[in-house]
Amino acid sequence: MAFTIQNVDWEKDKHRLKALREHVFVLEWRVPEASEFDEHDSSACHVLIVNDENEPIATGRLTKRGELGRIAVKRCHRTLPVYRALFEALINTAKQNNVPIIKVVCNLESVSYHQSIGFIPDGQVFMDAGVPRQRLKCPAERFPLPDVTQLH
């Protein structure tokens, strides 16, 4: 399957980004819509992956604080090549913007796995839409492919 990676602007492409994130998070995962969109969207760097018909299949964002998240991939495209391309584009964006430390939020049960591949807990466990979560951090130059099934 062929796909294209695009760095996109929230104001110009928010209709495509919102539609994809609503499809994955709100409809599929039942995340409350109020929890999915926030004040960081307008200032974050967004990556969008489209298929050969220019349909959005995956997205993620990097906030000004170095938080990588809002990873949304349509179910039929949840493959390692798509995830790798998405994370590589986000990490390249971090490096281009001189973001030295990447932060992610993961489900509590995957913290030990992420620690084993180089992430360090950052702060206390917190609740997010009823799910216990943990912030983790890792230097951008050593960022490994995380357990993508446990990120949001």
N, C-alpha and C. Protein backbone atom coordinates (compact mmCIF):
# COMPACT_ATOMS: atom_id res chain seq x y z
N MET A 1 0.83 -1.17 0.00
CA MET A 1 0.00 0.00 0.00
C MET A 1 0.88 1.24 0.00
N ALA A 2 0.58 2.16 -0.85
CA ALA A 2 1.33 3.42 -0.93
C ALA A 2 0.65 4.46 -0.06
N PHE A 3 1.47 5.27 0.60
CA PHE A 3 0.93 6.38 1.37
C PHE A 3 1.91 7.53 1.34
N THR A 4 1.40 8.71 1.67
CA THR A 4 2.19 9.93 1.64
C THR A 4 2.11 10.59 3.01
N ILE A 5 3.25 11.09 3.47
CA ILE A 5 3.33 11.77 4.76
C ILE A 5 3.32 13.26 4.51
N GLN A 6 2.46 13.96 5.24
CA GLN A 6 2.34 15.41 5.09
C GLN A 6 2.46 16.09 6.45
N ASN A 7 3.22 17.16 6.50
CA ASN A 7 3.20 18.04 7.66
C ASN A 7 2.12 19.07 7.36
N VAL A 8 1.13 19.16 8.24
CA VAL A 8 -0.02 20.01 7.95
C VAL A 8 -0.25 21.02 9.07
N ASP A 9 -0.95 22.08 8.72
CA ASP A 9 -1.30 23.16 9.63
C ASP A 9 -2.72 22.94 10.15
N TRP A 10 -2.90 23.10 11.46
CA TRP A 10 -4.21 22.87 12.08
C TRP A 10 -5.30 23.74 11.44
N GLU A 11 -5.04 25.01 11.28
CA GLU A 11 -6.07 25.90 10.74
C GLU A 11 -6.46 25.52 9.32
N LYS A 12 -5.50 25.15 8.52
CA LYS A 12 -5.78 24.82 7.12
C LYS A 12 -6.40 23.42 6.98
N ASP A 13 -5.97 22.47 7.81
CA ASP A 13 -6.37 21.07 7.62
C ASP A 13 -7.16 20.49 8.79
N LYS A 14 -7.68 21.35 9.68
CA LYS A 14 -8.35 20.80 10.86
C LYS A 14 -9.57 19.95 10.51
N HIS A 15 -10.24 20.23 9.39
CA HIS A 15 -11.39 19.40 9.03
C HIS A 15 -10.97 17.95 8.78
N ARG A 16 -9.81 17.74 8.14
CA ARG A 16 -9.34 16.38 7.89
C ARG A 16 -8.81 15.74 9.17
N LEU A 17 -8.06 16.51 9.96
CA LEU A 17 -7.51 15.99 11.22
C LEU A 17 -8.63 15.64 12.20
N LYS A 18 -9.60 16.53 12.33
CA LYS A 18 -10.71 16.29 13.26
C LYS A 18 -11.54 15.09 12.82
N ALA A 19 -11.80 14.96 11.54
CA ALA A 19 -12.62 13.84 11.06
C ALA A 19 -11.93 12.50 11.37
N LEU A 20 -10.62 12.44 11.16
CA LEU A 20 -9.88 11.21 11.43
C LEU A 20 -9.85 10.91 12.93
N ARG A 21 -9.55 11.90 13.73
CA ARG A 21 -9.49 11.69 15.18
C ARG A 21 -10.87 11.37 15.75
N GLU A 22 -11.91 12.01 15.25
CA GLU A 22 -13.26 11.67 15.70
C GLU A 22 -13.60 10.23 15.34
N HIS A 23 -13.24 9.81 14.14
CA HIS A 23 -13.51 8.43 13.72
C HIS A 23 -12.83 7.42 14.65
N VAL A 24 -11.55 7.64 14.93
CA VAL A 24 -10.79 6.69 15.75
C VAL A 24 -11.13 6.82 17.23
N PHE A 25 -11.03 8.01 17.78
CA PHE A 25 -11.16 8.16 19.22
C PHE A 25 -12.60 8.24 19.71
N VAL A 26 -13.40 9.11 19.10
CA VAL A 26 -14.75 9.32 19.59
C VAL A 26 -15.68 8.16 19.21
N LEU A 27 -15.68 7.77 17.95
CA LEU A 27 -16.58 6.71 17.51
C LEU A 27 -16.08 5.31 17.89
N GLU A 28 -14.82 5.03 17.60
CA GLU A 28 -14.29 3.68 17.83
C GLU A 28 -13.94 3.44 19.29
N TRP A 29 -13.18 4.33 19.90
CA TRP A 29 -12.69 4.13 21.26
C TRP A 29 -13.61 4.71 22.32
N ARG A 30 -14.63 5.48 21.91
CA ARG A 30 -15.59 6.09 22.83
C ARG A 30 -14.97 7.11 23.79
N VAL A 31 -13.94 7.81 23.32
CA VAL A 31 -13.35 8.90 24.10
C VAL A 31 -14.29 10.09 23.98
N PRO A 32 -14.63 10.74 25.09
CA PRO A 32 -15.50 11.92 24.99
C PRO A 32 -14.88 12.98 24.07
N GLU A 33 -15.69 13.53 23.19
CA GLU A 33 -15.19 14.52 22.23
C GLU A 33 -14.52 15.69 22.94
N ALA A 34 -15.04 16.08 24.09
CA ALA A 34 -14.46 17.19 24.84
C ALA A 34 -13.03 16.88 25.30
N SER A 35 -12.70 15.60 25.46
CA SER A 35 -11.35 15.20 25.87
C SER A 35 -10.39 15.10 24.69
N GLU A 36 -10.93 14.99 23.50
CA GLU A 36 -10.08 14.73 22.33
C GLU A 36 -9.44 15.99 21.75
N PHE A 37 -10.13 17.09 21.77
CA PHE A 37 -9.63 18.32 21.16
C PHE A 37 -9.34 19.32 22.27
N ASP A 38 -8.20 20.01 22.16
CA ASP A 38 -7.82 20.94 23.22
C ASP A 38 -7.11 22.16 22.66
N GLU A 39 -6.67 23.02 23.59
CA GLU A 39 -6.03 24.27 23.20
C GLU A 39 -4.67 24.07 22.55
N HIS A 40 -4.08 22.88 22.65
CA HIS A 40 -2.77 22.63 22.06
C HIS A 40 -2.84 22.35 20.55
N ASP A 41 -4.01 22.00 20.05
CA ASP A 41 -4.13 21.67 18.63
C ASP A 41 -3.69 22.81 17.72
N SER A 42 -4.08 24.03 18.06
CA SER A 42 -3.80 25.15 17.16
C SER A 42 -2.31 25.49 17.07
N SER A 43 -1.53 25.17 18.11
CA SER A 43 -0.11 25.49 18.08
C SER A 43 0.80 24.29 17.86
N ALA A 44 0.23 23.09 17.83
CA ALA A 44 1.03 21.87 17.66
C ALA A 44 1.44 21.67 16.19
N CYS A 45 2.48 20.86 16.01
CA CYS A 45 2.88 20.41 14.67
C CYS A 45 2.11 19.11 14.41
N HIS A 46 1.42 19.05 13.29
CA HIS A 46 0.61 17.88 12.96
C HIS A 46 1.18 17.16 11.75
N VAL A 47 1.13 15.83 11.82
CA VAL A 47 1.52 14.97 10.70
C VAL A 47 0.27 14.23 10.26
N LEU A 48 0.07 14.16 8.97
CA LEU A 48 -1.07 13.45 8.40
C LEU A 48 -0.54 12.49 7.34
N ILE A 49 -0.99 11.26 7.40
CA ILE A 49 -0.64 10.28 6.37
C ILE A 49 -1.90 10.01 5.56
N VAL A 50 -1.76 10.11 4.26
CA VAL A 50 -2.88 9.85 3.35
C VAL A 50 -2.54 8.67 2.44
N ASN A 51 -3.59 7.97 2.01
CA ASN A 51 -3.37 6.85 1.09
C ASN A 51 -3.24 7.38 -0.34
N ASP A 52 -3.13 6.47 -1.30
CA ASP A 52 -2.91 6.89 -2.68
C ASP A 52 -4.13 7.57 -3.30
N GLU A 53 -5.26 7.58 -2.58
CA GLU A 53 -6.44 8.31 -3.03
C GLU A 53 -6.62 9.61 -2.24
N ASN A 54 -5.55 10.01 -1.53
CA ASN A 54 -5.51 11.23 -0.73
C ASN A 54 -6.49 11.23 0.44
N GLU A 55 -6.88 10.03 0.91
CA GLU A 55 -7.75 9.91 2.07
C GLU A 55 -6.90 9.78 3.33
N PRO A 56 -7.20 10.56 4.37
CA PRO A 56 -6.44 10.46 5.61
C PRO A 56 -6.56 9.07 6.24
N ILE A 57 -5.40 8.51 6.64
CA ILE A 57 -5.41 7.19 7.29
C ILE A 57 -4.74 7.23 8.66
N ALA A 58 -3.92 8.25 8.93
CA ALA A 58 -3.22 8.32 10.22
C ALA A 58 -2.81 9.76 10.50
N THR A 59 -2.75 10.07 11.79
CA THR A 59 -2.29 11.39 12.20
C THR A 59 -1.68 11.32 13.59
N GLY A 60 -0.90 12.34 13.90
CA GLY A 60 -0.32 12.50 15.23
C GLY A 60 0.12 13.95 15.35
N ARG A 61 0.40 14.36 16.59
CA ARG A 61 0.83 15.75 16.78
C ARG A 61 1.98 15.81 17.77
N LEU A 62 2.73 16.90 17.66
CA LEU A 62 3.81 17.22 18.58
C LEU A 62 3.53 18.62 19.11
N THR A 63 3.33 18.74 20.43
CA THR A 63 3.02 20.05 21.01
C THR A 63 4.31 20.84 21.22
N LYS A 64 4.16 22.12 21.50
CA LYS A 64 5.31 22.99 21.77
C LYS A 64 6.12 22.51 22.98
N ARG A 65 5.47 21.78 23.90
CA ARG A 65 6.15 21.25 25.09
C ARG A 65 6.81 19.90 24.83
N GLY A 66 6.79 19.44 23.57
CA GLY A 66 7.43 18.17 23.23
C GLY A 66 6.57 16.96 23.46
N GLU A 67 5.28 17.14 23.67
CA GLU A 67 4.38 16.01 23.89
C GLU A 67 3.90 15.46 22.57
N LEU A 68 4.20 14.21 22.36
CA LEU A 68 3.79 13.51 21.15
C LEU A 68 2.50 12.77 21.49
N GLY A 69 1.47 12.94 20.68
CA GLY A 69 0.21 12.27 20.99
C GLY A 69 -0.83 12.44 19.91
N ARG A 70 -2.06 12.15 20.33
CA ARG A 70 -3.21 12.15 19.44
C ARG A 70 -2.91 11.28 18.21
N ILE A 71 -2.29 10.13 18.48
CA ILE A 71 -1.96 9.17 17.42
C ILE A 71 -3.24 8.44 17.04
N ALA A 72 -3.74 8.73 15.86
CA ALA A 72 -4.98 8.11 15.38
C ALA A 72 -4.70 7.45 14.03
N VAL A 73 -4.94 6.16 13.98
CA VAL A 73 -4.73 5.39 12.75
C VAL A 73 -5.99 4.58 12.49
N LYS A 74 -6.53 4.71 11.28
CA LYS A 74 -7.71 3.92 10.94
C LYS A 74 -7.40 2.43 11.09
N ARG A 75 -8.37 1.70 11.58
CA ARG A 75 -8.20 0.29 11.92
C ARG A 75 -7.54 -0.53 10.81
N CYS A 76 -7.98 -0.39 9.59
CA CYS A 76 -7.44 -1.22 8.50
C CYS A 76 -6.02 -0.82 8.09
N HIS A 77 -5.49 0.25 8.68
CA HIS A 77 -4.14 0.71 8.35
C HIS A 77 -3.19 0.61 9.54
N ARG A 78 -3.59 -0.09 10.58
CA ARG A 78 -2.74 -0.23 11.78
C ARG A 78 -1.69 -1.30 11.54
N THR A 79 -0.68 -0.87 10.78
CA THR A 79 0.43 -1.76 10.43
C THR A 79 1.73 -1.10 10.88
N LEU A 80 2.75 -1.92 11.05
CA LEU A 80 4.03 -1.39 11.49
C LEU A 80 4.58 -0.34 10.52
N PRO A 81 4.51 -0.53 9.19
CA PRO A 81 5.02 0.52 8.30
C PRO A 81 4.33 1.87 8.48
N VAL A 82 3.03 1.88 8.71
CA VAL A 82 2.31 3.14 8.91
C VAL A 82 2.74 3.78 10.22
N TYR A 83 2.78 2.98 11.29
CA TYR A 83 3.21 3.53 12.59
C TYR A 83 4.65 4.03 12.53
N ARG A 84 5.52 3.28 11.90
CA ARG A 84 6.93 3.72 11.79
C ARG A 84 7.02 5.05 11.04
N ALA A 85 6.32 5.15 9.92
CA ALA A 85 6.35 6.38 9.13
C ALA A 85 5.82 7.56 9.94
N LEU A 86 4.75 7.34 10.68
CA LEU A 86 4.15 8.41 11.48
C LEU A 86 5.12 8.86 12.57
N PHE A 87 5.69 7.91 13.32
CA PHE A 87 6.60 8.28 14.39
C PHE A 87 7.90 8.90 13.86
N GLU A 88 8.41 8.39 12.76
CA GLU A 88 9.62 8.98 12.18
C GLU A 88 9.37 10.43 11.77
N ALA A 89 8.21 10.69 11.18
CA ALA A 89 7.89 12.06 10.77
C ALA A 89 7.75 12.97 11.99
N LEU A 90 7.13 12.47 13.05
CA LEU A 90 6.98 13.28 14.26
C LEU A 90 8.32 13.54 14.94
N ILE A 91 9.18 12.54 14.98
CA ILE A 91 10.51 12.71 15.59
C ILE A 91 11.35 13.67 14.74
N ASN A 92 11.27 13.56 13.43
CA ASN A 92 11.98 14.50 12.56
C ASN A 92 11.48 15.93 12.79
N THR A 93 10.19 16.08 12.99
CA THR A 93 9.62 17.40 13.29
C THR A 93 10.19 17.92 14.61
N ALA A 94 10.29 17.05 15.60
CA ALA A 94 10.87 17.46 16.89
C ALA A 94 12.31 17.93 16.72
N LYS A 95 13.08 17.18 15.97
CA LYS A 95 14.48 17.55 15.76
C LYS A 95 14.60 18.86 14.99
N GLN A 96 13.76 19.06 13.98
CA GLN A 96 13.78 20.30 13.20
C GLN A 96 13.39 21.51 14.05
N ASN A 97 12.58 21.26 15.09
CA ASN A 97 12.13 22.35 15.97
C ASN A 97 12.93 22.40 17.27
N ASN A 98 14.08 21.72 17.28
CA ASN A 98 14.98 21.73 18.44
C ASN A 98 14.29 21.32 19.74
N VAL A 99 13.46 20.28 19.65
CA VAL A 99 12.81 19.72 20.83
C VAL A 99 13.69 18.55 21.31
N PRO A 100 14.42 18.73 22.41
CA PRO A 100 15.38 17.70 22.83
C PRO A 100 14.76 16.49 23.52
N ILE A 101 13.63 16.70 24.22
CA ILE A 101 12.99 15.63 24.98
C ILE A 101 11.58 15.42 24.45
N ILE A 102 11.27 14.16 24.11
CA ILE A 102 9.93 13.80 23.64
C ILE A 102 9.17 13.21 24.82
N LYS A 103 7.94 13.64 24.97
CA LYS A 103 7.08 13.12 26.03
C LYS A 103 5.90 12.40 25.41
N VAL A 104 5.51 11.29 26.02
CA VAL A 104 4.33 10.54 25.59
C VAL A 104 3.50 10.24 26.82
N VAL A 105 2.25 9.89 26.59
CA VAL A 105 1.35 9.44 27.64
C VAL A 105 0.91 8.05 27.26
N CYS A 106 1.03 7.11 28.21
CA CYS A 106 0.63 5.73 27.90
C CYS A 106 -0.26 5.18 29.00
N ASN A 107 -0.91 4.09 28.68
CA ASN A 107 -1.72 3.39 29.67
C ASN A 107 -0.79 2.82 30.74
N LEU A 108 -1.27 2.76 31.96
CA LEU A 108 -0.46 2.37 33.09
C LEU A 108 0.16 0.98 32.92
N GLU A 109 -0.57 0.05 32.31
CA GLU A 109 -0.04 -1.31 32.18
C GLU A 109 1.15 -1.43 31.23
N SER A 110 1.42 -0.42 30.44
CA SER A 110 2.55 -0.51 29.51
C SER A 110 3.79 0.28 29.98
N VAL A 111 3.74 0.84 31.18
CA VAL A 111 4.86 1.64 31.68
C VAL A 111 6.14 0.81 31.76
N SER A 112 6.08 -0.40 32.31
CA SER A 112 7.30 -1.20 32.47
C SER A 112 7.91 -1.53 31.10
N TYR A 113 7.08 -1.81 30.11
CA TYR A 113 7.60 -2.06 28.76
C TYR A 113 8.33 -0.82 28.26
N HIS A 114 7.70 0.34 28.38
CA HIS A 114 8.32 1.57 27.88
C HIS A 114 9.61 1.90 28.63
N GLN A 115 9.67 1.60 29.92
CA GLN A 115 10.90 1.80 30.67
C GLN A 115 12.00 0.88 30.14
N SER A 116 11.64 -0.32 29.74
CA SER A 116 12.64 -1.27 29.23
C SER A 116 13.24 -0.84 27.91
N ILE A 117 12.57 0.07 27.18
CA ILE A 117 13.13 0.54 25.90
C ILE A 117 13.65 1.97 25.99
N GLY A 118 13.77 2.48 27.22
CA GLY A 118 14.45 3.76 27.39
C GLY A 118 13.64 4.95 27.86
N PHE A 119 12.34 4.78 28.06
CA PHE A 119 11.53 5.88 28.56
C PHE A 119 11.66 5.99 30.07
N ILE A 120 11.49 7.21 30.60
CA ILE A 120 11.57 7.48 32.03
C ILE A 120 10.24 8.09 32.45
N PRO A 121 9.62 7.61 33.55
CA PRO A 121 8.38 8.23 34.03
C PRO A 121 8.60 9.71 34.31
N ASP A 122 7.57 10.51 34.03
CA ASP A 122 7.64 11.96 34.18
C ASP A 122 6.38 12.41 34.92
N GLY A 123 6.46 12.51 36.24
CA GLY A 123 5.30 12.91 37.02
C GLY A 123 4.53 11.74 37.56
N GLN A 124 3.37 12.05 38.13
CA GLN A 124 2.52 11.07 38.79
C GLN A 124 1.53 10.45 37.81
N VAL A 125 1.02 9.27 38.17
CA VAL A 125 -0.06 8.64 37.43
C VAL A 125 -1.29 9.55 37.53
N PHE A 126 -2.05 9.65 36.46
CA PHE A 126 -3.25 10.48 36.46
C PHE A 126 -4.36 9.78 35.68
N MET A 127 -5.56 10.25 35.85
CA MET A 127 -6.72 9.69 35.15
C MET A 127 -7.01 10.54 33.92
N ASP A 128 -7.26 9.87 32.79
CA ASP A 128 -7.58 10.54 31.53
C ASP A 128 -8.77 9.82 30.92
N ALA A 129 -9.92 10.48 30.91
CA ALA A 129 -11.15 9.88 30.39
C ALA A 129 -11.42 8.53 31.06
N GLY A 130 -11.16 8.45 32.38
CA GLY A 130 -11.43 7.23 33.13
C GLY A 130 -10.36 6.16 33.05
N VAL A 131 -9.22 6.46 32.41
CA VAL A 131 -8.15 5.48 32.22
C VAL A 131 -6.91 5.96 32.97
N PRO A 132 -6.30 5.09 33.83
CA PRO A 132 -5.06 5.51 34.49
C PRO A 132 -3.92 5.60 33.48
N ARG A 133 -3.22 6.73 33.50
CA ARG A 133 -2.18 6.99 32.50
C ARG A 133 -0.92 7.49 33.19
N GLN A 134 0.20 7.41 32.45
CA GLN A 134 1.49 7.87 32.95
C GLN A 134 2.19 8.64 31.84
N ARG A 135 2.76 9.79 32.20
CA ARG A 135 3.60 10.52 31.25
C ARG A 135 5.00 9.91 31.30
N LEU A 136 5.61 9.79 30.14
CA LEU A 136 6.97 9.27 30.01
C LEU A 136 7.76 10.21 29.14
N LYS A 137 9.09 10.19 29.28
CA LYS A 137 9.93 11.04 28.42
C LYS A 137 11.14 10.25 27.95
N CYS A 138 11.72 10.76 26.84
CA CYS A 138 12.87 10.12 26.22
C CYS A 138 13.58 11.16 25.35
N PRO A 139 14.93 11.18 25.34
CA PRO A 139 15.62 12.11 24.44
C PRO A 139 15.24 11.82 22.98
N ALA A 140 15.02 12.88 22.22
CA ALA A 140 14.60 12.74 20.83
C ALA A 140 15.57 11.90 20.00
N GLU A 141 16.88 12.05 20.26
CA GLU A 141 17.85 11.31 19.44
C GLU A 141 17.85 9.81 19.73
N ARG A 142 17.25 9.39 20.85
CA ARG A 142 17.21 7.97 21.18
C ARG A 142 15.79 7.42 21.19
N PHE A 143 14.85 8.15 20.62
CA PHE A 143 13.45 7.77 20.69
C PHE A 143 13.19 6.46 19.96
N PRO A 144 12.74 5.42 20.68
CA PRO A 144 12.42 4.15 20.03
C PRO A 144 10.95 4.13 19.60
N LEU A 145 10.56 3.16 18.81
CA LEU A 145 9.16 3.00 18.47
C LEU A 145 8.45 2.45 19.70
N PRO A 146 7.54 3.24 20.31
CA PRO A 146 6.87 2.79 21.51
C PRO A 146 5.78 1.75 21.20
N ASP A 147 5.18 1.22 22.25
CA ASP A 147 4.04 0.31 22.09
C ASP A 147 2.88 1.16 21.64
N VAL A 148 2.67 1.23 20.34
CA VAL A 148 1.69 2.14 19.77
C VAL A 148 0.25 1.79 20.15
N THR A 149 0.02 0.58 20.61
CA THR A 149 -1.33 0.22 21.03
C THR A 149 -1.70 0.86 22.36
N GLN A 150 -0.71 1.42 23.08
CA GLN A 150 -0.94 1.96 24.41
C GLN A 150 -0.84 3.48 24.48
N LEU A 151 -0.73 4.14 23.36
CA LEU A 151 -0.57 5.60 23.34
C LEU A 151 -1.84 6.28 22.87
N HIS A 152 -1.99 7.55 23.24
CA HIS A 152 -3.10 8.39 22.75
C HIS A 152 -2.55 9.79 22.56
